[in-house]
Protein backbone atom coordinates (compact mmCIF):
# COMPACT_ATOMS: atom_id res chain seq x y z
CA MET A 1 80.50 129.86 63.07
CA LYS A 2 82.93 129.81 59.70
CA LEU A 3 85.63 127.45 59.18
CA HIS A 4 88.77 129.13 59.46
CA VAL A 5 91.29 128.25 56.30
CA LEU A 6 94.77 128.96 56.36
CA VAL A 7 96.63 129.70 52.98
CA ILE A 8 100.48 129.41 52.70
CA ASP A 9 101.65 130.21 49.04
CA ASP A 10 104.95 132.01 48.54
CA GLU A 11 102.84 134.22 45.50
CA LEU A 12 101.14 137.34 46.94
CA ALA A 13 98.50 137.13 43.97
CA ILE A 14 97.56 133.72 44.92
CA CYS A 15 96.99 134.51 48.57
CA SER A 16 94.89 137.66 47.37
CA ALA A 17 92.78 135.82 45.42
CA LEU A 18 91.96 132.61 47.44
CA THR A 19 91.06 135.32 50.32
CA PHE A 20 88.78 136.96 48.00
CA ALA A 21 87.17 134.10 46.62
CA LEU A 22 86.54 132.38 49.64
CA GLU A 23 85.99 134.72 52.82
CA ASP A 24 82.18 134.61 52.02
CA SER A 25 82.20 130.96 53.14
CA TYR A 26 85.01 130.64 55.37
CA GLN A 27 87.51 132.96 57.66
CA VAL A 28 90.77 132.97 55.58
CA THR A 29 94.27 133.87 56.67
CA ALA A 30 96.93 133.84 54.26
CA THR A 31 100.92 134.01 54.09
CA THR A 32 103.74 134.05 51.81
CA ASP A 33 105.96 132.70 54.49
CA PRO A 34 106.02 128.81 55.67
CA ASP A 35 107.74 129.66 58.99
CA GLU A 36 104.79 132.10 60.00
CA GLY A 37 102.34 129.68 59.08
CA LEU A 38 103.80 126.85 61.20
CA ARG A 39 103.81 129.36 63.98
CA LYS A 40 100.18 130.38 63.15
CA ILE A 41 98.94 126.55 62.97
CA GLU A 42 101.01 125.77 66.54
CA ASN A 43 99.31 129.24 68.05
CA HIS A 44 95.89 128.93 66.39
CA PRO A 45 92.98 126.28 65.45
CA PHE A 46 92.13 125.87 61.75
CA ASP A 47 90.20 123.66 60.05
CA ILE A 48 91.60 123.52 56.26
CA VAL A 49 95.17 124.25 55.40
CA LEU A 50 95.79 125.31 51.65
CA LEU A 51 99.76 124.36 50.81
CA ASP A 52 101.59 125.37 48.02
CA LEU A 53 103.92 122.47 46.95
CA ARG A 54 106.72 124.78 46.14
CA ILE A 55 107.16 128.02 48.59
CA GLY A 56 110.54 129.67 47.21
CA ASN A 57 113.43 127.43 48.04
CA LYS A 58 111.27 125.27 50.35
CA SER A 59 109.34 122.07 49.79
CA GLY A 60 105.76 121.75 50.50
CA LEU A 61 106.23 118.52 51.45
CA ASP A 62 108.54 119.26 54.06
CA ILE A 63 105.97 122.14 55.65
CA LEU A 64 103.39 119.25 55.19
CA GLN A 65 105.38 116.69 57.86
CA LYS A 66 105.88 119.54 60.27
CA ILE A 67 101.99 120.70 59.83
CA LYS A 68 101.37 116.88 60.80
CA GLN A 69 103.33 117.03 63.54
CA LEU A 70 101.73 120.03 65.01
CA ALA A 71 98.08 119.17 64.21
CA PRO A 72 97.78 115.40 63.55
CA ASN A 73 94.44 115.51 62.09
CA LEU A 74 94.19 119.00 60.23
CA ALA A 75 93.31 118.94 56.47
CA VAL A 76 95.81 119.77 54.39
CA ILE A 77 95.08 120.17 50.50
CA MET A 78 98.43 120.88 48.34
CA MET A 79 98.40 123.07 45.35
CA THR A 80 100.78 122.54 42.49
CA ALA A 81 101.84 123.72 38.92
CA TYR A 82 104.01 120.68 38.86
CA SER A 83 101.73 117.76 39.17
CA SER A 84 103.11 114.18 38.76
CA ILE A 85 101.61 111.06 39.76
CA ASP A 86 104.71 110.33 42.12
CA THR A 87 104.60 114.01 43.84
CA SER A 88 100.72 113.47 44.48
CA ILE A 89 101.13 109.67 46.10
CA GLU A 90 104.32 111.29 48.19
CA ALA A 91 102.00 114.10 49.65
CA ILE A 92 98.86 111.85 50.57
CA LYS A 93 101.36 109.53 51.82
CA LYS A 94 102.84 112.01 54.26
CA GLY A 95 99.37 113.30 55.43
CA ALA A 96 97.86 115.50 52.38
CA TYR A 97 94.01 114.90 52.36
CA TYR A 98 94.29 115.95 48.58
CA TYR A 99 95.95 117.73 45.90
CA ILE A 100 94.46 120.44 43.45
CA GLU A 101 96.46 121.81 40.26
CA LYS A 102 96.96 125.73 39.54
CA PRO A 103 95.79 127.22 38.06
CA LEU A 104 92.63 126.67 40.70
CA ASN A 105 89.58 125.95 39.74
CA ILE A 106 87.54 127.83 42.67
CA GLU A 107 84.81 125.59 42.30
CA GLU A 108 86.42 122.16 42.47
CA LEU A 109 88.46 123.88 45.44
CA SER A 110 85.16 124.57 47.30
CA LEU A 111 83.90 120.95 46.57
CA LEU A 112 87.33 119.68 47.51
CA MET A 113 87.24 122.16 50.92
CA ILE A 114 83.71 120.50 51.93
CA ARG A 115 84.53 117.06 51.28
CA ALA A 116 87.86 117.38 53.57
CA THR A 117 86.22 118.88 56.54
CA GLU A 118 83.64 116.29 56.44
CA PHE A 119 86.87 113.87 56.42
CA THR A 120 88.47 115.73 59.15
CA GLN A 121 85.03 115.75 61.55
CA MET A 122 84.52 111.86 60.99
CA THR A 123 87.97 111.44 62.00
CA ASN A 124 87.43 113.27 65.10
CA GLN A 125 84.23 111.88 65.89
CA LEU A 126 86.13 108.44 65.43
CA GLU A 127 88.51 109.03 67.56
CA THR A 128 86.21 110.64 70.39
CA LEU A 129 84.27 107.18 70.19
CA HIS A 130 87.34 105.28 70.87
CA GLU A 131 88.40 107.32 73.72
CA GLU A 132 84.78 107.11 75.19
CA LEU A 133 84.74 103.46 74.92
CA ASP A 134 88.27 103.26 76.71
CA LYS A 135 86.86 105.28 79.19
CA GLN A 136 83.86 102.96 79.73
CA ARG A 137 86.39 99.60 79.95
CA GLY A 138 88.32 101.68 82.29
CA SER A 139 85.66 102.23 84.56
CA GLY A 140 84.17 98.81 84.23
CA ASN A 141 85.33 97.56 87.21
CA PHE A 142 83.80 100.56 89.40
CA LEU A 143 80.95 98.14 90.45
CA GLY A 144 79.03 97.71 93.96
CA ASN A 145 75.75 97.44 95.68
CA SER A 146 76.91 98.51 98.85
CA ARG A 147 75.78 101.66 100.94
CA PRO A 148 79.26 103.16 100.87
CA MET A 149 79.44 102.60 96.78
CA GLN A 150 75.70 103.84 96.60
CA ARG A 151 77.22 107.00 98.66
CA ILE A 152 79.92 107.42 95.85
CA PHE A 153 77.67 107.29 92.99
CA SER A 154 75.35 109.75 94.31
CA MET A 155 78.11 111.98 94.73
CA ILE A 156 79.65 111.58 91.46
CA GLU A 157 76.17 112.34 90.05
CA ARG A 158 75.67 115.69 91.90
CA VAL A 159 79.01 116.95 91.01
CA LYS A 160 79.60 115.75 87.50
CA ASP A 161 78.35 118.81 85.85
CA ILE A 162 80.03 121.56 88.45
CA ASP A 163 83.50 123.03 87.96
CA SER A 164 84.03 122.71 91.55
CA SER A 165 87.82 121.17 92.64
CA VAL A 166 87.08 117.31 93.93
CA LEU A 167 89.46 115.71 96.41
CA ILE A 168 89.27 112.00 96.43
CA THR A 169 90.76 110.05 99.46
CA GLY A 170 91.25 106.27 99.91
CA GLU A 171 93.69 103.50 100.12
CA SER A 172 95.92 102.23 97.03
CA GLY A 173 94.01 99.97 94.70
CA THR A 174 90.12 101.66 95.94
CA GLY A 175 89.34 102.86 92.62
CA LYS A 176 90.30 106.79 92.81
CA GLU A 177 90.98 107.04 89.50
CA LEU A 178 88.00 105.47 88.49
CA VAL A 179 86.13 107.92 90.09
CA ALA A 180 87.27 110.75 88.52
CA ARG A 181 86.83 109.32 85.01
CA ASN A 182 83.00 108.74 86.07
CA ILE A 183 83.19 112.27 86.85
CA HIS A 184 84.51 113.17 83.44
CA THR A 185 82.75 110.47 81.10
CA LEU A 186 79.26 111.37 82.95
CA GLY A 187 79.81 115.28 83.15
CA ARG A 188 79.31 117.92 80.61
CA ARG A 189 83.26 118.13 79.74
CA LYS A 190 83.01 114.27 78.73
CA ASN A 191 83.63 115.71 74.81
CA LYS A 192 86.79 117.39 76.12
CA PRO A 193 90.17 115.88 77.19
CA MET A 194 90.87 114.48 80.47
CA GLN A 195 94.76 114.60 81.33
CA ILE A 196 96.32 112.32 84.20
CA VAL A 197 99.40 113.13 85.99
CA ASN A 198 100.86 110.72 88.73
CA CYS A 199 102.58 113.31 90.76
CA ALA A 200 104.37 110.04 92.45
CA ALA A 201 105.60 108.71 89.37
CA ILE A 202 107.30 111.83 87.69
CA PRO A 203 110.93 113.10 88.96
CA GLU A 204 110.78 115.96 90.78
CA MET A 205 112.76 117.90 87.93
CA LEU A 206 110.32 116.70 85.39
CA LEU A 207 107.04 117.30 86.93
CA GLU A 208 106.78 121.31 86.76
CA SER A 209 107.77 121.21 82.75
CA GLU A 210 105.04 118.31 82.53
CA LEU A 211 102.35 120.27 84.01
CA PHE A 212 103.29 123.91 83.05
CA GLY A 213 104.84 123.17 79.62
CA TYR A 214 108.21 124.89 78.33
CA GLU A 215 109.51 126.74 75.27
CA LYS A 216 112.36 125.85 73.07
CA GLY A 217 115.62 126.18 75.09
CA ALA A 218 114.07 127.03 78.48
CA PHE A 219 116.34 124.39 79.91
CA SER A 220 118.91 121.81 78.64
CA GLY A 221 117.08 119.23 76.41
CA ALA A 222 114.31 121.44 75.63
CA THR A 223 114.81 121.09 71.56
CA HIS A 224 111.43 122.31 70.89
CA ARG A 225 108.58 124.07 72.28
CA LYS A 226 105.57 121.45 74.30
CA ASP A 227 102.37 122.31 75.72
CA GLY A 228 102.33 120.86 79.41
CA LYS A 229 99.25 119.03 80.88
CA PHE A 230 97.47 122.22 82.06
CA VAL A 231 96.87 123.49 78.29
CA ALA A 232 96.43 119.87 77.00
CA ALA A 233 93.43 119.55 79.43
CA ASN A 234 91.70 123.00 78.73
CA GLY A 235 87.95 122.89 78.66
CA GLY A 236 88.07 119.36 80.39
CA ILE A 237 89.36 117.70 83.33
CA LEU A 238 93.01 117.45 84.87
CA PHE A 239 93.55 114.55 87.11
CA LEU A 240 95.96 114.89 89.92
CA ASP A 241 96.72 111.65 91.17
CA GLU A 242 98.91 111.08 94.30
CA ILE A 243 98.71 114.75 94.85
CA SER A 244 100.54 114.22 98.30
CA GLU A 245 103.86 113.59 96.78
CA MET A 246 104.10 116.82 95.03
CA PRO A 247 107.11 118.77 96.38
CA LEU A 248 106.29 121.57 98.42
CA PRO A 249 107.71 124.38 96.24
CA LEU A 250 105.87 123.14 93.05
CA GLN A 251 102.89 123.42 95.57
CA ALA A 252 103.51 126.92 95.39
CA LYS A 253 103.39 127.14 91.80
CA LEU A 254 100.20 125.01 91.12
CA LEU A 255 98.19 127.10 94.09
CA ARG A 256 99.44 130.21 91.69
CA VAL A 257 98.05 128.78 88.47
CA LEU A 258 94.74 127.36 90.06
CA GLN A 259 94.40 131.00 91.57
CA GLU A 260 94.80 132.92 88.06
CA ARG A 261 93.46 130.47 85.92
CA GLU A 262 96.28 131.12 83.68
CA VAL A 263 99.57 129.13 83.46
CA THR A 264 103.32 130.42 82.26
CA PRO A 265 105.37 128.04 80.68
CA LEU A 266 108.69 127.38 81.75
CA GLY A 267 111.25 129.82 79.53
CA SER A 268 107.89 131.89 78.31
CA ASN A 269 106.66 135.26 79.50
CA THR A 270 103.06 134.78 78.09
CA LYS A 271 100.45 133.43 80.03
CA ARG A 272 97.78 130.92 78.62
CA SER A 273 94.00 131.04 79.84
CA LEU A 274 92.78 128.21 81.44
CA ASP A 275 89.35 126.62 81.66
CA VAL A 276 90.38 123.29 83.68
CA ARG A 277 88.55 121.68 86.20
CA ILE A 278 90.67 120.13 88.67
CA ILE A 279 90.27 116.53 90.46
CA SER A 280 92.89 115.48 92.88
CA ALA A 281 93.73 112.42 94.34
CA ALA A 282 95.66 110.88 97.33
CA ASN A 283 96.09 107.84 99.78
CA LYS A 284 97.68 109.65 102.50
CA ASN A 285 95.78 112.46 105.11
CA LEU A 286 96.54 115.24 103.77
CA GLU A 287 94.76 117.38 106.85
CA GLN A 288 97.98 115.90 109.14
CA MET A 289 100.37 116.67 105.87
CA VAL A 290 99.00 120.27 106.51
CA MET A 291 99.88 120.08 110.18
CA ASP A 292 103.08 118.48 109.75
CA GLY A 293 103.93 121.26 107.33
CA GLU A 294 104.05 118.42 104.58
CA PHE A 295 101.31 120.31 102.67
CA ARG A 296 100.42 123.80 101.95
CA GLU A 297 97.13 124.62 103.59
CA ASP A 298 96.06 127.18 101.06
CA LEU A 299 96.52 124.48 98.21
CA PHE A 300 94.75 121.85 100.65
CA PHE A 301 91.43 123.96 100.92
CA ARG A 302 92.06 125.06 97.38
CA LEU A 303 91.67 121.31 96.23
CA ASN A 304 89.39 119.98 98.71
CA VAL A 305 86.03 121.74 97.67
CA ILE A 306 84.17 118.85 97.32
CA PRO A 307 85.54 115.27 98.99
CA ILE A 308 85.27 111.96 98.36
CA SER A 309 86.19 109.03 100.36
CA VAL A 310 87.05 105.66 98.72
CA PRO A 311 86.35 102.68 101.22
CA PRO A 312 88.62 100.06 101.29
CA LEU A 313 87.61 96.52 99.85
CA ARG A 314 87.36 95.51 103.36
CA GLU A 315 84.79 97.74 104.30
CA ARG A 316 82.53 96.70 101.31
CA LYS A 317 82.64 93.03 101.42
CA GLU A 318 79.11 92.49 99.94
CA ASP A 319 80.63 93.83 96.79
CA LEU A 320 82.75 91.01 96.86
CA PRO A 321 80.86 88.57 94.31
CA ILE A 322 79.83 90.87 91.62
CA LEU A 323 83.28 92.25 91.54
CA MET A 324 84.63 88.29 91.47
CA ASP A 325 82.21 87.56 88.42
CA TYR A 326 83.29 90.96 86.65
CA TYR A 327 87.21 89.79 86.73
CA MET A 328 86.61 86.37 86.39
CA LYS A 329 84.91 87.08 82.74
CA LYS A 330 87.17 90.05 82.04
CA HIS A 331 90.32 87.72 82.21
CA ALA A 332 88.72 84.60 80.76
CA SER A 333 87.92 86.96 77.95
CA ASP A 334 91.27 88.60 77.56
CA MET A 335 92.90 85.34 77.52
CA ASN A 336 90.43 84.11 75.03
CA GLN A 337 89.59 81.33 77.52
CA GLU A 338 85.57 80.09 78.14
CA ASP A 339 83.63 81.43 80.86
CA LYS A 340 84.83 80.18 84.07
CA THR A 341 83.23 79.39 87.50
CA PHE A 342 84.57 79.27 90.84
CA SER A 343 84.55 76.27 92.89
CA ALA A 344 82.86 76.50 96.67
CA ALA A 345 86.27 76.29 98.46
CA ALA A 346 88.03 79.30 95.73
CA ARG A 347 85.01 81.68 96.13
CA GLN A 348 85.17 81.09 100.07
CA ILE A 349 88.48 81.87 100.05
CA LEU A 350 88.33 84.88 98.06
CA LEU A 351 85.27 86.22 100.29
CA ASP A 352 87.17 85.54 103.51
CA TYR A 353 90.45 87.48 102.24
CA HIS A 354 91.11 90.97 103.81
CA TYR A 355 92.92 92.53 100.56
CA PRO A 356 95.11 94.78 101.55
CA GLY A 357 95.69 96.33 97.93
CA ASN A 358 91.71 96.69 97.83
CA VAL A 359 90.02 96.30 94.41
CA ARG A 360 93.49 96.38 92.09
CA GLU A 361 94.50 93.44 94.35
CA LEU A 362 91.11 91.29 93.77
CA GLY A 363 91.65 91.88 89.92
CA ASN A 364 95.28 90.87 89.98
CA ILE A 365 94.54 87.67 92.25
CA ILE A 366 91.78 86.65 89.73
CA GLU A 367 94.18 87.30 86.62
CA TYR A 368 96.60 84.89 88.16
CA ALA A 369 93.99 82.19 89.15
CA VAL A 370 92.56 82.35 85.49
CA ALA A 371 95.78 82.05 83.73
CA LEU A 372 97.00 79.00 85.84
CA SER A 373 93.23 77.39 85.86
CA ASN A 374 92.98 74.42 83.61
CA SER A 375 89.48 73.60 83.81
CA LYS A 376 86.21 75.79 83.59
CA CYS A 377 85.84 75.72 87.20
CA MET A 378 88.57 77.58 89.13
CA GLU A 379 89.85 75.67 92.21
CA ASP A 380 91.24 77.06 95.51
CA THR A 381 94.52 75.33 94.19
CA ASP A 382 94.67 77.91 91.57
CA LEU A 383 94.53 80.72 94.01
CA PRO A 384 98.10 82.38 94.94
CA GLN A 385 99.82 80.75 97.88
CA TYR A 386 99.33 83.63 100.05
CA VAL A 387 96.11 84.08 99.50
CA GLN A 388 95.28 80.20 99.99
CA GLU A 389 97.00 80.80 103.80
CA GLN A 390 95.54 84.13 104.26
CA LYS A 391 98.65 85.54 105.38
CA PHE A 392 99.57 88.29 103.18
CA VAL A 393 98.56 90.71 106.29
CA PHE A 394 100.55 92.88 108.66
CA ARG A 395 98.72 93.19 111.71
CA PRO A 396 100.25 95.31 114.47
CA ASP A 397 97.32 94.85 116.84
CA VAL A 398 98.26 91.44 117.25
CA LEU A 399 100.81 90.14 119.99
CA GLU A 400 101.06 86.86 119.49
CA ASP A 401 104.32 85.88 118.31
CA ASP A 402 103.81 84.25 114.93
CA HIS A 403 104.93 84.74 111.15
CA ASN A 404 102.44 87.72 110.81
CA SER A 405 103.06 90.14 113.98
CA PHE A 406 106.11 91.04 116.31
CA ARG A 407 105.95 92.37 119.72
CA VAL A 408 106.61 96.36 120.36
CA PRO A 409 108.25 96.88 123.91
CA ILE A 410 107.33 99.60 125.71
CA GLY A 411 109.87 102.87 125.85
CA ILE A 412 110.82 102.21 122.01
CA SER A 413 110.98 105.20 119.80
CA MET A 414 108.43 106.08 116.93
CA LYS A 415 111.33 106.01 114.68
CA GLU A 416 112.71 102.34 115.51
CA ILE A 417 109.03 101.33 115.30
CA GLU A 418 108.56 102.61 112.16
CA GLU A 419 111.83 100.76 111.11
CA LYS A 420 111.14 97.56 112.47
CA VAL A 421 107.36 97.93 110.78
CA ILE A 422 109.29 98.47 107.42
CA THR A 423 111.82 95.81 107.58
CA ALA A 424 109.42 93.52 108.91
CA THR A 425 106.85 93.97 106.04
CA LEU A 426 109.86 94.13 103.26
CA HIS A 427 110.79 90.37 104.72
CA TYR A 428 107.62 89.37 104.76
CA CYS A 429 106.59 90.32 101.13
CA LYS A 430 109.96 89.01 99.93
CA ASN A 431 111.59 92.27 99.31
CA HIS A 432 108.60 93.16 96.59
CA ARG A 433 108.62 96.93 97.15
CA GLN A 434 105.08 97.43 95.48
CA LYS A 435 103.19 94.95 97.75
CA THR A 436 105.26 96.49 100.83
CA ALA A 437 103.87 100.01 100.04
CA GLN A 438 100.45 98.42 99.55
CA VAL A 439 100.42 96.79 102.93
CA LEU A 440 101.87 99.77 104.55
CA LYS A 441 99.57 102.39 102.38
CA ILE A 442 101.92 104.47 101.31
CA SER A 443 103.35 105.66 98.08
CA GLU A 444 106.11 103.58 96.39
CA ARG A 445 108.58 106.82 96.48
CA SER A 446 107.89 107.22 100.20
CA LEU A 447 108.62 103.93 100.68
CA ARG A 448 112.32 104.28 98.83
CA ASP A 449 112.87 107.13 100.88
CA LYS A 450 112.53 105.58 104.12
CA ILE A 451 114.56 102.64 103.12
CA LYS A 452 117.18 104.89 102.17
CA LEU A 453 117.15 106.40 105.59
CA ILE A 454 117.14 103.00 107.45
CA SER A 455 120.07 102.01 105.42
CA LYS A 456 122.03 105.22 106.41
CA ASN A 457 121.17 104.51 109.89
CA GLU A 458 122.55 100.76 109.96
């Protein structure tokens, strides 16, 4: 397939001459209007731009800056009849690949275009390589020899190359995002983008524009056009984390996009076709939410084509040794320390601990211990105090009156029970909301909303 070249020059004769000279080897689009050229770059992929240094009363250097904002890796060759060392240096500083003087030598230009194309391809390959390395580093702690983990690995292998939607469920900190990343990294879409949206972390008013994009002027503050995550993920994977936190009105709009396989940015009437695989994750029971009217049933069935359940760490404790060793080496390396070992006492405490925060908590515990340890052997006293004392747990099944539990009298309402559990857990976690949410296995947003209700009732 021919490479696509865009010529931007205010002289129609030059546009026509370059089109004639290059059309055998390239697909050529030409315009005398720089604003039209920018619109074309915004809406179509080009491989090379030939840009005049002076376009009427406009500066080609200003146009160059705008091109680089729209397409940072696009190769731009400046054409000028007013060559000087200063302008040439300025052009290259602002992102031009090179410049060529008028009148143009077509053989010289062709050679320059070949080199520019090779440079762009190398740049793109290098970025892809960095992305793949980042993903591999990100999935390094997705380890385990237990049967539950082997089932997960088997599922990833079976679904990585198909387009069916995947719903990953499991408690916070179990590695749901790592499952999604492995499906992407190992699958046929690995060379295409993976976009991640945390539905709980983005305010409701912004989530719609984040997903679908918007046109300039679509709402107050929309000073420029922006593609949404769906368009950014086109050809690849869109990972919707904590999908259970998506508001019901937005669920309906998401369902429509998934059904029609096209998206309309806010403030636009133009639909854009999509080729995106959807992977979503939830730490809540979506089926129960459907029954409670908190999640759309039709969207649930659309997302839950292939369910993958990630087990909590307490249900695969045989994986603890390999995970402990992994985190020990990782954090020691990150902190430029020598490899460390666990003392027998420290290892036993870590093996006995229950990990309400799952693998994420294990990593945090060992990071804390590596940072505080002064020797090559990490002692039990280097571990966080709550781990040493095995306290960090809420157990409503335990009826003894101790610091980890309380009695629930007969006749108390479910609302009162919930308030007591939240209040007690907050107190136990010393008002640390993230830890409290982990223990209660709810999102921080849900915890925040429940605390507001409790405050109103008091």
